mmCIF file of all heavy atoms, coordinates in Angstrom:
data_MODEL
# 
_entry.id   MODEL 
# 
loop_
_atom_site.group_PDB 
_atom_site.id 
_atom_site.type_symbol 
_atom_site.label_atom_id 
_atom_site.label_alt_id 
_atom_site.label_comp_id 
_atom_site.label_asym_id 
_atom_site.label_entity_id 
_atom_site.label_seq_id 
_atom_site.pdbx_PDB_ins_code 
_atom_site.Cartn_x 
_atom_site.Cartn_y 
_atom_site.Cartn_z 
_atom_site.occupancy 
_atom_site.B_iso_or_equiv 
_atom_site.pdbx_formal_charge 
_atom_site.auth_seq_id 
_atom_site.auth_comp_id 
_atom_site.auth_asym_id 
_atom_site.auth_atom_id 
_atom_site.pdbx_PDB_model_num 
ATOM 1   N N   . LEU A 1 1  ? 76.661  -6.688  21.969 1.00 0.00 ? 1  LEU A N   1 
ATOM 2   C CA  . LEU A 1 1  ? 77.457  -5.882  22.803 1.00 0.00 ? 1  LEU A CA  1 
ATOM 3   C C   . LEU A 1 1  ? 77.133  -6.167  24.319 1.00 0.00 ? 1  LEU A C   1 
ATOM 4   O O   . LEU A 1 1  ? 78.056  -6.023  25.078 1.00 0.00 ? 1  LEU A O   1 
ATOM 5   C CB  . LEU A 1 1  ? 77.189  -4.417  22.441 1.00 0.00 ? 1  LEU A CB  1 
ATOM 6   C CG  . LEU A 1 1  ? 77.678  -4.062  21.105 1.00 0.00 ? 1  LEU A CG  1 
ATOM 7   C CD1 . LEU A 1 1  ? 77.337  -2.540  20.900 1.00 0.00 ? 1  LEU A CD1 1 
ATOM 8   C CD2 . LEU A 1 1  ? 79.190  -4.187  20.955 1.00 0.00 ? 1  LEU A CD2 1 
ATOM 9   N N   . ALA A 1 2  ? 75.952  -6.641  24.463 1.00 0.00 ? 2  ALA A N   1 
ATOM 10  C CA  . ALA A 1 2  ? 75.553  -6.792  25.939 1.00 0.00 ? 2  ALA A CA  1 
ATOM 11  C C   . ALA A 1 2  ? 76.451  -7.936  26.601 1.00 0.00 ? 2  ALA A C   1 
ATOM 12  O O   . ALA A 1 2  ? 76.542  -7.951  27.828 1.00 0.00 ? 2  ALA A O   1 
ATOM 13  C CB  . ALA A 1 2  ? 74.070  -7.226  25.942 1.00 0.00 ? 2  ALA A CB  1 
ATOM 14  N N   . GLY A 1 3  ? 76.974  -8.779  25.748 1.00 0.00 ? 3  GLY A N   1 
ATOM 15  C CA  . GLY A 1 3  ? 77.768  -9.926  26.415 1.00 0.00 ? 3  GLY A CA  1 
ATOM 16  C C   . GLY A 1 3  ? 79.282  -9.580  26.542 1.00 0.00 ? 3  GLY A C   1 
ATOM 17  O O   . GLY A 1 3  ? 79.985  -10.330 27.129 1.00 0.00 ? 3  GLY A O   1 
ATOM 18  N N   . LEU A 1 4  ? 79.655  -8.373  26.107 1.00 0.00 ? 4  LEU A N   1 
ATOM 19  C CA  . LEU A 1 4  ? 81.064  -8.024  26.264 1.00 0.00 ? 4  LEU A CA  1 
ATOM 20  C C   . LEU A 1 4  ? 81.415  -7.624  27.648 1.00 0.00 ? 4  LEU A C   1 
ATOM 21  O O   . LEU A 1 4  ? 80.614  -6.991  28.461 1.00 0.00 ? 4  LEU A O   1 
ATOM 22  C CB  . LEU A 1 4  ? 81.388  -6.756  25.381 1.00 0.00 ? 4  LEU A CB  1 
ATOM 23  C CG  . LEU A 1 4  ? 81.247  -7.052  23.851 1.00 0.00 ? 4  LEU A CG  1 
ATOM 24  C CD1 . LEU A 1 4  ? 81.512  -5.697  23.102 1.00 0.00 ? 4  LEU A CD1 1 
ATOM 25  C CD2 . LEU A 1 4  ? 82.199  -8.035  23.356 1.00 0.00 ? 4  LEU A CD2 1 
ATOM 26  N N   . PRO A 1 5  ? 82.654  -8.080  28.159 1.00 0.00 ? 5  PRO A N   1 
ATOM 27  C CA  . PRO A 1 5  ? 83.062  -7.874  29.454 1.00 0.00 ? 5  PRO A CA  1 
ATOM 28  C C   . PRO A 1 5  ? 82.973  -6.339  29.944 1.00 0.00 ? 5  PRO A C   1 
ATOM 29  O O   . PRO A 1 5  ? 82.516  -6.087  31.036 1.00 0.00 ? 5  PRO A O   1 
ATOM 30  C CB  . PRO A 1 5  ? 84.397  -8.415  29.619 1.00 0.00 ? 5  PRO A CB  1 
ATOM 31  C CG  . PRO A 1 5  ? 84.428  -9.415  28.501 1.00 0.00 ? 5  PRO A CG  1 
ATOM 32  C CD  . PRO A 1 5  ? 83.592  -8.897  27.427 1.00 0.00 ? 5  PRO A CD  1 
ATOM 33  N N   . ALA A 1 6  ? 83.419  -5.439  29.078 1.00 0.00 ? 6  ALA A N   1 
ATOM 34  C CA  . ALA A 1 6  ? 83.326  -4.102  29.374 1.00 0.00 ? 6  ALA A CA  1 
ATOM 35  C C   . ALA A 1 6  ? 81.882  -3.572  29.550 1.00 0.00 ? 6  ALA A C   1 
ATOM 36  O O   . ALA A 1 6  ? 81.690  -2.788  30.523 1.00 0.00 ? 6  ALA A O   1 
ATOM 37  C CB  . ALA A 1 6  ? 83.988  -3.255  28.257 1.00 0.00 ? 6  ALA A CB  1 
ATOM 38  N N   . VAL A 1 7  ? 81.015  -4.027  28.854 1.00 0.00 ? 7  VAL A N   1 
ATOM 39  C CA  . VAL A 1 7  ? 79.617  -3.684  28.980 1.00 0.00 ? 7  VAL A CA  1 
ATOM 40  C C   . VAL A 1 7  ? 79.000  -4.286  30.346 1.00 0.00 ? 7  VAL A C   1 
ATOM 41  O O   . VAL A 1 7  ? 78.393  -3.648  31.052 1.00 0.00 ? 7  VAL A O   1 
ATOM 42  C CB  . VAL A 1 7  ? 78.736  -4.057  27.716 1.00 0.00 ? 7  VAL A CB  1 
ATOM 43  C CG1 . VAL A 1 7  ? 77.257  -3.853  27.981 1.00 0.00 ? 7  VAL A CG1 1 
ATOM 44  C CG2 . VAL A 1 7  ? 79.224  -3.418  26.492 1.00 0.00 ? 7  VAL A CG2 1 
ATOM 45  N N   . GLN A 1 8  ? 79.378  -5.534  30.541 1.00 0.00 ? 8  GLN A N   1 
ATOM 46  C CA  . GLN A 1 8  ? 78.875  -6.151  31.695 1.00 0.00 ? 8  GLN A CA  1 
ATOM 47  C C   . GLN A 1 8  ? 79.410  -5.506  32.955 1.00 0.00 ? 8  GLN A C   1 
ATOM 48  O O   . GLN A 1 8  ? 78.664  -5.326  33.999 1.00 0.00 ? 8  GLN A O   1 
ATOM 49  C CB  . GLN A 1 8  ? 79.182  -7.708  31.664 1.00 0.00 ? 8  GLN A CB  1 
ATOM 50  C CG  . GLN A 1 8  ? 78.393  -8.448  30.779 1.00 0.00 ? 8  GLN A CG  1 
ATOM 51  C CD  . GLN A 1 8  ? 78.832  -9.922  30.598 1.00 0.00 ? 8  GLN A CD  1 
ATOM 52  O OE1 . GLN A 1 8  ? 79.750  -10.395 31.235 1.00 0.00 ? 8  GLN A OE1 1 
ATOM 53  N NE2 . GLN A 1 8  ? 78.056  -10.570 29.857 1.00 0.00 ? 8  GLN A NE2 1 
ATOM 54  N N   . ALA A 1 9  ? 80.670  -5.047  32.981 1.00 0.00 ? 9  ALA A N   1 
ATOM 55  C CA  . ALA A 1 9  ? 81.302  -4.368  34.092 1.00 0.00 ? 9  ALA A CA  1 
ATOM 56  C C   . ALA A 1 9  ? 80.636  -2.992  34.329 1.00 0.00 ? 9  ALA A C   1 
ATOM 57  O O   . ALA A 1 9  ? 80.337  -2.617  35.431 1.00 0.00 ? 9  ALA A O   1 
ATOM 58  C CB  . ALA A 1 9  ? 82.754  -4.274  33.832 1.00 0.00 ? 9  ALA A CB  1 
ATOM 59  N N   . ALA A 1 10 ? 80.247  -2.309  33.169 1.00 0.00 ? 10 ALA A N   1 
ATOM 60  C CA  . ALA A 1 10 ? 79.622  -0.975  33.374 1.00 0.00 ? 10 ALA A CA  1 
ATOM 61  C C   . ALA A 1 10 ? 78.208  -1.266  33.903 1.00 0.00 ? 10 ALA A C   1 
ATOM 62  O O   . ALA A 1 10 ? 77.809  -0.475  34.838 1.00 0.00 ? 10 ALA A O   1 
ATOM 63  C CB  . ALA A 1 10 ? 79.511  -0.390  31.939 1.00 0.00 ? 10 ALA A CB  1 
ATOM 64  N N   . VAL A 1 11 ? 77.486  -2.245  33.494 1.00 0.00 ? 11 VAL A N   1 
ATOM 65  C CA  . VAL A 1 11 ? 76.175  -2.520  34.031 1.00 0.00 ? 11 VAL A CA  1 
ATOM 66  C C   . VAL A 1 11 ? 76.264  -2.777  35.563 1.00 0.00 ? 11 VAL A C   1 
ATOM 67  O O   . VAL A 1 11 ? 75.611  -2.292  36.414 1.00 0.00 ? 11 VAL A O   1 
ATOM 68  C CB  . VAL A 1 11 ? 75.494  -3.738  33.379 1.00 0.00 ? 11 VAL A CB  1 
ATOM 69  C CG1 . VAL A 1 11 ? 74.242  -4.114  34.075 1.00 0.00 ? 11 VAL A CG1 1 
ATOM 70  C CG2 . VAL A 1 11 ? 75.195  -3.227  31.935 1.00 0.00 ? 11 VAL A CG2 1 
ATOM 71  N N   . ALA A 1 12 ? 77.273  -3.636  35.940 1.00 0.00 ? 12 ALA A N   1 
ATOM 72  C CA  . ALA A 1 12 ? 77.438  -3.977  37.378 1.00 0.00 ? 12 ALA A CA  1 
ATOM 73  C C   . ALA A 1 12 ? 77.764  -2.775  38.262 1.00 0.00 ? 12 ALA A C   1 
ATOM 74  O O   . ALA A 1 12 ? 77.292  -2.694  39.514 1.00 0.00 ? 12 ALA A O   1 
ATOM 75  C CB  . ALA A 1 12 ? 78.571  -4.969  37.517 1.00 0.00 ? 12 ALA A CB  1 
ATOM 76  N N   . GLU A 1 13 ? 78.294  -1.761  37.688 1.00 0.00 ? 13 GLU A N   1 
ATOM 77  C CA  . GLU A 1 13 ? 78.681  -0.608  38.441 1.00 0.00 ? 13 GLU A CA  1 
ATOM 78  C C   . GLU A 1 13 ? 77.643  0.560   38.120 1.00 0.00 ? 13 GLU A C   1 
ATOM 79  O O   . GLU A 1 13 ? 77.906  1.785   38.533 1.00 0.00 ? 13 GLU A O   1 
ATOM 80  C CB  . GLU A 1 13 ? 80.183  -0.105  38.023 1.00 0.00 ? 13 GLU A CB  1 
ATOM 81  C CG  . GLU A 1 13 ? 81.082  -1.183  38.506 1.00 0.00 ? 13 GLU A CG  1 
ATOM 82  C CD  . GLU A 1 13 ? 82.571  -0.704  38.226 1.00 0.00 ? 13 GLU A CD  1 
ATOM 83  O OE1 . GLU A 1 13 ? 82.782  0.489   38.144 1.00 0.00 ? 13 GLU A OE1 1 
ATOM 84  O OE2 . GLU A 1 13 ? 83.408  -1.568  37.824 1.00 0.00 ? 13 GLU A OE2 1 
ATOM 85  N N   . ALA A 1 14 ? 76.634  0.253   37.430 1.00 0.00 ? 14 ALA A N   1 
ATOM 86  C CA  . ALA A 1 14 ? 75.564  1.187   37.099 1.00 0.00 ? 14 ALA A CA  1 
ATOM 87  C C   . ALA A 1 14 ? 76.029  2.325   36.420 1.00 0.00 ? 14 ALA A C   1 
ATOM 88  O O   . ALA A 1 14 ? 75.694  3.579   36.590 1.00 0.00 ? 14 ALA A O   1 
ATOM 89  C CB  . ALA A 1 14 ? 74.785  1.677   38.432 1.00 0.00 ? 14 ALA A CB  1 
ATOM 90  N N   . ILE A 1 15 ? 77.026  2.115   35.356 1.00 0.00 ? 15 ILE A N   1 
ATOM 91  C CA  . ILE A 1 15 ? 77.617  3.205   34.528 1.00 0.00 ? 15 ILE A CA  1 
ATOM 92  C C   . ILE A 1 15 ? 76.946  3.136   33.191 1.00 0.00 ? 15 ILE A C   1 
ATOM 93  O O   . ILE A 1 15 ? 76.821  2.054   32.590 1.00 0.00 ? 15 ILE A O   1 
ATOM 94  C CB  . ILE A 1 15 ? 79.055  2.982   34.389 1.00 0.00 ? 15 ILE A CB  1 
ATOM 95  C CG1 . ILE A 1 15 ? 79.794  3.048   35.682 1.00 0.00 ? 15 ILE A CG1 1 
ATOM 96  C CG2 . ILE A 1 15 ? 79.700  3.932   33.405 1.00 0.00 ? 15 ILE A CG2 1 
ATOM 97  C CD1 . ILE A 1 15 ? 81.317  2.636   35.653 1.00 0.00 ? 15 ILE A CD1 1 
ATOM 98  N N   . ASP A 1 16 ? 76.388  4.236   32.743 1.00 0.00 ? 16 ASP A N   1 
ATOM 99  C CA  . ASP A 1 16 ? 75.753  4.289   31.456 1.00 0.00 ? 16 ASP A CA  1 
ATOM 100 C C   . ASP A 1 16 ? 76.912  4.406   30.405 1.00 0.00 ? 16 ASP A C   1 
ATOM 101 O O   . ASP A 1 16 ? 77.669  5.297   30.542 1.00 0.00 ? 16 ASP A O   1 
ATOM 102 C CB  . ASP A 1 16 ? 74.834  5.505   31.243 1.00 0.00 ? 16 ASP A CB  1 
ATOM 103 C CG  . ASP A 1 16 ? 73.517  5.352   32.052 1.00 0.00 ? 16 ASP A CG  1 
ATOM 104 O OD1 . ASP A 1 16 ? 73.149  4.189   32.270 1.00 0.00 ? 16 ASP A OD1 1 
ATOM 105 O OD2 . ASP A 1 16 ? 72.856  6.251   32.512 1.00 0.00 ? 16 ASP A OD2 1 
ATOM 106 N N   . LEU A 1 17 ? 76.856  3.753   29.377 1.00 0.00 ? 17 LEU A N   1 
ATOM 107 C CA  . LEU A 1 17 ? 77.811  3.666   28.307 1.00 0.00 ? 17 LEU A CA  1 
ATOM 108 C C   . LEU A 1 17 ? 77.125  4.474   27.142 1.00 0.00 ? 17 LEU A C   1 
ATOM 109 O O   . LEU A 1 17 ? 76.090  4.106   26.533 1.00 0.00 ? 17 LEU A O   1 
ATOM 110 C CB  . LEU A 1 17 ? 78.250  2.347   27.723 1.00 0.00 ? 17 LEU A CB  1 
ATOM 111 C CG  . LEU A 1 17 ? 79.004  1.485   28.745 1.00 0.00 ? 17 LEU A CG  1 
ATOM 112 C CD1 . LEU A 1 17 ? 79.149  0.130   28.150 1.00 0.00 ? 17 LEU A CD1 1 
ATOM 113 C CD2 . LEU A 1 17 ? 80.310  2.098   28.991 1.00 0.00 ? 17 LEU A CD2 1 
ATOM 114 N N   . GLU A 1 18 ? 77.688  5.635   26.826 1.00 0.00 ? 18 GLU A N   1 
ATOM 115 C CA  . GLU A 1 18 ? 77.151  6.325   25.724 1.00 0.00 ? 18 GLU A CA  1 
ATOM 116 C C   . GLU A 1 18 ? 78.254  7.279   25.144 1.00 0.00 ? 18 GLU A C   1 
ATOM 117 O O   . GLU A 1 18 ? 79.368  7.426   25.774 1.00 0.00 ? 18 GLU A O   1 
ATOM 118 C CB  . GLU A 1 18 ? 76.006  7.284   26.151 1.00 0.00 ? 18 GLU A CB  1 
ATOM 119 C CG  . GLU A 1 18 ? 76.409  8.143   27.368 1.00 0.00 ? 18 GLU A CG  1 
ATOM 120 C CD  . GLU A 1 18 ? 75.225  9.027   27.755 1.00 0.00 ? 18 GLU A CD  1 
ATOM 121 O OE1 . GLU A 1 18 ? 74.312  8.407   28.546 1.00 0.00 ? 18 GLU A OE1 1 
ATOM 122 O OE2 . GLU A 1 18 ? 75.014  10.140  27.359 1.00 0.00 ? 18 GLU A OE2 1 
ATOM 123 N N   . GLY A 1 19 ? 78.166  7.763   23.973 1.00 0.00 ? 19 GLY A N   1 
ATOM 124 C CA  . GLY A 1 19 ? 79.055  8.674   23.334 1.00 0.00 ? 19 GLY A CA  1 
ATOM 125 C C   . GLY A 1 19 ? 80.421  8.204   23.359 1.00 0.00 ? 19 GLY A C   1 
ATOM 126 O O   . GLY A 1 19 ? 80.796  7.139   22.940 1.00 0.00 ? 19 GLY A O   1 
ATOM 127 N N   . GLU A 1 20 ? 81.394  9.122   23.830 1.00 0.00 ? 20 GLU A N   1 
ATOM 128 C CA  . GLU A 1 20 ? 82.786  8.796   23.644 1.00 0.00 ? 20 GLU A CA  1 
ATOM 129 C C   . GLU A 1 20 ? 83.174  7.596   24.597 1.00 0.00 ? 20 GLU A C   1 
ATOM 130 O O   . GLU A 1 20 ? 84.168  6.844   24.253 1.00 0.00 ? 20 GLU A O   1 
ATOM 131 C CB  . GLU A 1 20 ? 83.569  9.999   24.182 1.00 0.00 ? 20 GLU A CB  1 
ATOM 132 C CG  . GLU A 1 20 ? 83.522  11.085  23.181 1.00 0.00 ? 20 GLU A CG  1 
ATOM 133 C CD  . GLU A 1 20 ? 84.449  12.310  23.566 1.00 0.00 ? 20 GLU A CD  1 
ATOM 134 O OE1 . GLU A 1 20 ? 85.406  12.055  24.269 1.00 0.00 ? 20 GLU A OE1 1 
ATOM 135 O OE2 . GLU A 1 20 ? 84.073  13.384  23.131 1.00 0.00 ? 20 GLU A OE2 1 
ATOM 136 N N   . GLN A 1 21 ? 82.506  7.333   25.732 1.00 0.00 ? 21 GLN A N   1 
ATOM 137 C CA  . GLN A 1 21 ? 82.763  6.153   26.586 1.00 0.00 ? 21 GLN A CA  1 
ATOM 138 C C   . GLN A 1 21 ? 82.566  4.917   25.712 1.00 0.00 ? 21 GLN A C   1 
ATOM 139 O O   . GLN A 1 21 ? 83.360  3.998   25.979 1.00 0.00 ? 21 GLN A O   1 
ATOM 140 C CB  . GLN A 1 21 ? 81.882  6.160   27.726 1.00 0.00 ? 21 GLN A CB  1 
ATOM 141 C CG  . GLN A 1 21 ? 82.293  7.235   28.785 1.00 0.00 ? 21 GLN A CG  1 
ATOM 142 C CD  . GLN A 1 21 ? 81.213  7.136   29.954 1.00 0.00 ? 21 GLN A CD  1 
ATOM 143 O OE1 . GLN A 1 21 ? 80.023  6.893   29.823 1.00 0.00 ? 21 GLN A OE1 1 
ATOM 144 N NE2 . GLN A 1 21 ? 81.777  7.460   31.127 1.00 0.00 ? 21 GLN A NE2 1 
ATOM 145 N N   . ALA A 1 22 ? 81.588  4.824   25.019 1.00 0.00 ? 22 ALA A N   1 
ATOM 146 C CA  . ALA A 1 22 ? 81.259  3.633   24.190 1.00 0.00 ? 22 ALA A CA  1 
ATOM 147 C C   . ALA A 1 22 ? 82.256  3.410   23.100 1.00 0.00 ? 22 ALA A C   1 
ATOM 148 O O   . ALA A 1 22 ? 82.692  2.334   22.793 1.00 0.00 ? 22 ALA A O   1 
ATOM 149 C CB  . ALA A 1 22 ? 79.914  3.688   23.554 1.00 0.00 ? 22 ALA A CB  1 
ATOM 150 N N   . LEU A 1 23 ? 82.800  4.572   22.514 1.00 0.00 ? 23 LEU A N   1 
ATOM 151 C CA  . LEU A 1 23 ? 83.814  4.429   21.504 1.00 0.00 ? 23 LEU A CA  1 
ATOM 152 C C   . LEU A 1 23 ? 85.108  3.788   22.032 1.00 0.00 ? 23 LEU A C   1 
ATOM 153 O O   . LEU A 1 23 ? 85.812  3.167   21.347 1.00 0.00 ? 23 LEU A O   1 
ATOM 154 C CB  . LEU A 1 23 ? 84.168  5.781   20.881 1.00 0.00 ? 23 LEU A CB  1 
ATOM 155 C CG  . LEU A 1 23 ? 82.971  6.432   20.111 1.00 0.00 ? 23 LEU A CG  1 
ATOM 156 C CD1 . LEU A 1 23 ? 83.388  7.818   19.629 1.00 0.00 ? 23 LEU A CD1 1 
ATOM 157 C CD2 . LEU A 1 23 ? 82.648  5.498   18.882 1.00 0.00 ? 23 LEU A CD2 1 
ATOM 158 N N   . ASN A 1 24 ? 85.356  3.937   23.281 1.00 0.00 ? 24 ASN A N   1 
ATOM 159 C CA  . ASN A 1 24 ? 86.603  3.435   23.894 1.00 0.00 ? 24 ASN A CA  1 
ATOM 160 C C   . ASN A 1 24 ? 86.566  1.882   24.007 1.00 0.00 ? 24 ASN A C   1 
ATOM 161 O O   . ASN A 1 24 ? 87.615  1.275   24.049 1.00 0.00 ? 24 ASN A O   1 
ATOM 162 C CB  . ASN A 1 24 ? 86.814  3.892   25.425 1.00 0.00 ? 24 ASN A CB  1 
ATOM 163 C CG  . ASN A 1 24 ? 87.217  5.420   25.385 1.00 0.00 ? 24 ASN A CG  1 
ATOM 164 O OD1 . ASN A 1 24 ? 87.830  5.893   24.461 1.00 0.00 ? 24 ASN A OD1 1 
ATOM 165 N ND2 . ASN A 1 24 ? 86.963  6.059   26.440 1.00 0.00 ? 24 ASN A ND2 1 
ATOM 166 N N   . ILE A 1 25 ? 85.427  1.249   23.912 1.00 0.00 ? 25 ILE A N   1 
ATOM 167 C CA  . ILE A 1 25 ? 85.233  -0.132  23.967 1.00 0.00 ? 25 ILE A CA  1 
ATOM 168 C C   . ILE A 1 25 ? 85.990  -0.750  22.717 1.00 0.00 ? 25 ILE A C   1 
ATOM 169 O O   . ILE A 1 25 ? 86.818  -1.734  22.852 1.00 0.00 ? 25 ILE A O   1 
ATOM 170 C CB  . ILE A 1 25 ? 83.827  -0.549  23.857 1.00 0.00 ? 25 ILE A CB  1 
ATOM 171 C CG1 . ILE A 1 25 ? 83.034  -0.195  25.196 1.00 0.00 ? 25 ILE A CG1 1 
ATOM 172 C CG2 . ILE A 1 25 ? 83.678  -2.090  23.618 1.00 0.00 ? 25 ILE A CG2 1 
ATOM 173 C CD1 . ILE A 1 25 ? 81.705  -0.349  25.307 1.00 0.00 ? 25 ILE A CD1 1 
ATOM 174 N N   . ALA A 1 26 ? 85.743  -0.140  21.549 1.00 0.00 ? 26 ALA A N   1 
ATOM 175 C CA  . ALA A 1 26 ? 86.389  -0.639  20.311 1.00 0.00 ? 26 ALA A CA  1 
ATOM 176 C C   . ALA A 1 26 ? 87.915  -0.427  20.511 1.00 0.00 ? 26 ALA A C   1 
ATOM 177 O O   . ALA A 1 26 ? 88.721  -1.294  20.030 1.00 0.00 ? 26 ALA A O   1 
ATOM 178 C CB  . ALA A 1 26 ? 85.886  0.152   19.158 1.00 0.00 ? 26 ALA A CB  1 
ATOM 179 N N   . TRP A 1 27 ? 88.364  0.759   20.990 1.00 0.00 ? 27 TRP A N   1 
ATOM 180 C CA  . TRP A 1 27 ? 89.822  0.966   21.071 1.00 0.00 ? 27 TRP A CA  1 
ATOM 181 C C   . TRP A 1 27 ? 90.439  0.004   22.044 1.00 0.00 ? 27 TRP A C   1 
ATOM 182 O O   . TRP A 1 27 ? 91.451  -0.686  21.680 1.00 0.00 ? 27 TRP A O   1 
ATOM 183 C CB  . TRP A 1 27 ? 89.916  2.382   21.695 1.00 0.00 ? 27 TRP A CB  1 
ATOM 184 C CG  . TRP A 1 27 ? 91.416  2.799   21.809 1.00 0.00 ? 27 TRP A CG  1 
ATOM 185 C CD1 . TRP A 1 27 ? 92.188  2.588   22.808 1.00 0.00 ? 27 TRP A CD1 1 
ATOM 186 C CD2 . TRP A 1 27 ? 92.125  3.606   20.930 1.00 0.00 ? 27 TRP A CD2 1 
ATOM 187 N NE1 . TRP A 1 27 ? 93.468  3.121   22.638 1.00 0.00 ? 27 TRP A NE1 1 
ATOM 188 C CE2 . TRP A 1 27 ? 93.479  3.855   21.430 1.00 0.00 ? 27 TRP A CE2 1 
ATOM 189 C CE3 . TRP A 1 27 ? 91.754  4.313   19.750 1.00 0.00 ? 27 TRP A CE3 1 
ATOM 190 C CZ2 . TRP A 1 27 ? 94.392  4.509   20.794 1.00 0.00 ? 27 TRP A CZ2 1 
ATOM 191 C CZ3 . TRP A 1 27 ? 92.829  5.101   19.053 1.00 0.00 ? 27 TRP A CZ3 1 
ATOM 192 C CH2 . TRP A 1 27 ? 94.097  5.176   19.628 1.00 0.00 ? 27 TRP A CH2 1 
ATOM 193 N N   . ASP A 1 28 ? 89.804  -0.341  23.231 1.00 0.00 ? 28 ASP A N   1 
ATOM 194 C CA  . ASP A 1 28 ? 90.377  -1.284  24.138 1.00 0.00 ? 28 ASP A CA  1 
ATOM 195 C C   . ASP A 1 28 ? 90.273  -2.689  23.587 1.00 0.00 ? 28 ASP A C   1 
ATOM 196 O O   . ASP A 1 28 ? 91.140  -3.424  23.817 1.00 0.00 ? 28 ASP A O   1 
ATOM 197 C CB  . ASP A 1 28 ? 89.533  -1.190  25.489 1.00 0.00 ? 28 ASP A CB  1 
ATOM 198 C CG  . ASP A 1 28 ? 89.782  0.185   26.205 1.00 0.00 ? 28 ASP A CG  1 
ATOM 199 O OD1 . ASP A 1 28 ? 90.710  0.980   25.880 1.00 0.00 ? 28 ASP A OD1 1 
ATOM 200 O OD2 . ASP A 1 28 ? 88.962  0.524   27.065 1.00 0.00 ? 28 ASP A OD2 1 
ATOM 201 N N   . ALA A 1 29 ? 89.192  -2.999  22.940 1.00 0.00 ? 29 ALA A N   1 
ATOM 202 C CA  . ALA A 1 29 ? 89.129  -4.356  22.345 1.00 0.00 ? 29 ALA A CA  1 
ATOM 203 C C   . ALA A 1 29 ? 90.249  -4.567  21.345 1.00 0.00 ? 29 ALA A C   1 
ATOM 204 O O   . ALA A 1 29 ? 90.832  -5.625  21.273 1.00 0.00 ? 29 ALA A O   1 
ATOM 205 C CB  . ALA A 1 29 ? 87.767  -4.494  21.710 1.00 0.00 ? 29 ALA A CB  1 
ATOM 206 N N   . HIS A 1 30 ? 90.506  -3.567  20.494 1.00 0.00 ? 30 HIS A N   1 
ATOM 207 C CA  . HIS A 1 30 ? 91.674  -3.722  19.548 1.00 0.00 ? 30 HIS A CA  1 
ATOM 208 C C   . HIS A 1 30 ? 92.912  -3.945  20.144 1.00 0.00 ? 30 HIS A C   1 
ATOM 209 O O   . HIS A 1 30 ? 93.717  -4.834  19.834 1.00 0.00 ? 30 HIS A O   1 
ATOM 210 C CB  . HIS A 1 30 ? 91.693  -2.531  18.583 1.00 0.00 ? 30 HIS A CB  1 
ATOM 211 C CG  . HIS A 1 30 ? 92.819  -2.593  17.661 1.00 0.00 ? 30 HIS A CG  1 
ATOM 212 N ND1 . HIS A 1 30 ? 92.771  -3.252  16.455 1.00 0.00 ? 30 HIS A ND1 1 
ATOM 213 C CD2 . HIS A 1 30 ? 94.009  -2.034  17.728 1.00 0.00 ? 30 HIS A CD2 1 
ATOM 214 C CE1 . HIS A 1 30 ? 93.908  -3.167  15.922 1.00 0.00 ? 30 HIS A CE1 1 
ATOM 215 N NE2 . HIS A 1 30 ? 94.761  -2.349  16.557 1.00 0.00 ? 30 HIS A NE2 1 
ATOM 216 N N   . GLU A 1 31 ? 93.115  -3.167  21.191 1.00 0.00 ? 31 GLU A N   1 
ATOM 217 C CA  . GLU A 1 31 ? 94.507  -3.232  21.932 1.00 0.00 ? 31 GLU A CA  1 
ATOM 218 C C   . GLU A 1 31 ? 94.599  -4.670  22.616 1.00 0.00 ? 31 GLU A C   1 
ATOM 219 O O   . GLU A 1 31 ? 95.677  -5.233  22.589 1.00 0.00 ? 31 GLU A O   1 
ATOM 220 C CB  . GLU A 1 31 ? 94.597  -2.051  22.999 1.00 0.00 ? 31 GLU A CB  1 
ATOM 221 C CG  . GLU A 1 31 ? 95.949  -2.108  23.558 1.00 0.00 ? 31 GLU A CG  1 
ATOM 222 C CD  . GLU A 1 31 ? 96.197  -0.831  24.436 1.00 0.00 ? 31 GLU A CD  1 
ATOM 223 O OE1 . GLU A 1 31 ? 95.233  -0.045  24.505 1.00 0.00 ? 31 GLU A OE1 1 
ATOM 224 O OE2 . GLU A 1 31 ? 97.231  -0.696  25.090 1.00 0.00 ? 31 GLU A OE2 1 
ATOM 225 N N   . THR A 1 32 ? 93.473  -5.173  23.172 1.00 0.00 ? 32 THR A N   1 
ATOM 226 C CA  . THR A 1 32 ? 93.554  -6.421  23.862 1.00 0.00 ? 32 THR A CA  1 
ATOM 227 C C   . THR A 1 32 ? 93.733  -7.486  22.830 1.00 0.00 ? 32 THR A C   1 
ATOM 228 O O   . THR A 1 32 ? 94.561  -8.447  23.049 1.00 0.00 ? 32 THR A O   1 
ATOM 229 C CB  . THR A 1 32 ? 92.256  -6.662  24.594 1.00 0.00 ? 32 THR A CB  1 
ATOM 230 O OG1 . THR A 1 32 ? 92.065  -5.616  25.550 1.00 0.00 ? 32 THR A OG1 1 
ATOM 231 C CG2 . THR A 1 32 ? 92.213  -7.982  25.136 1.00 0.00 ? 32 THR A CG2 1 
ATOM 232 N N   . ALA A 1 33 ? 93.148  -7.428  21.609 1.00 0.00 ? 33 ALA A N   1 
ATOM 233 C CA  . ALA A 1 33 ? 93.169  -8.463  20.662 1.00 0.00 ? 33 ALA A CA  1 
ATOM 234 C C   . ALA A 1 33 ? 94.586  -8.515  19.919 1.00 0.00 ? 33 ALA A C   1 
ATOM 235 O O   . ALA A 1 33 ? 95.098  -9.523  19.559 1.00 0.00 ? 33 ALA A O   1 
ATOM 236 C CB  . ALA A 1 33 ? 92.048  -8.265  19.619 1.00 0.00 ? 33 ALA A CB  1 
ATOM 237 N N   . THR A 1 34 ? 95.073  -7.280  19.735 1.00 0.00 ? 34 THR A N   1 
ATOM 238 C CA  . THR A 1 34 ? 96.358  -7.269  18.867 1.00 0.00 ? 34 THR A CA  1 
ATOM 239 C C   . THR A 1 34 ? 97.573  -6.967  19.684 1.00 0.00 ? 34 THR A C   1 
ATOM 240 O O   . THR A 1 34 ? 98.650  -7.059  19.179 1.00 0.00 ? 34 THR A O   1 
ATOM 241 C CB  . THR A 1 34 ? 96.138  -6.231  17.782 1.00 0.00 ? 34 THR A CB  1 
ATOM 242 O OG1 . THR A 1 34 ? 96.107  -4.879  18.359 1.00 0.00 ? 34 THR A OG1 1 
ATOM 243 C CG2 . THR A 1 34 ? 94.911  -6.384  16.839 1.00 0.00 ? 34 THR A CG2 1 
ATOM 244 N N   . GLY A 1 35 ? 97.475  -6.359  20.858 1.00 0.00 ? 35 GLY A N   1 
ATOM 245 C CA  . GLY A 1 35 ? 98.552  -5.842  21.721 1.00 0.00 ? 35 GLY A CA  1 
ATOM 246 C C   . GLY A 1 35 ? 99.201  -4.600  21.115 1.00 0.00 ? 35 GLY A C   1 
ATOM 247 O O   . GLY A 1 35 ? 100.182 -4.154  21.720 1.00 0.00 ? 35 GLY A O   1 
# 
């Protein structure tokens, strides 16, 4: 997961990913991959 763009962007902005925010990664990845 550390290599995912969403995680790298969060690290760059010093945003902690946890709980519901982390669940959005899967949602967004699905939408990006499938449209």
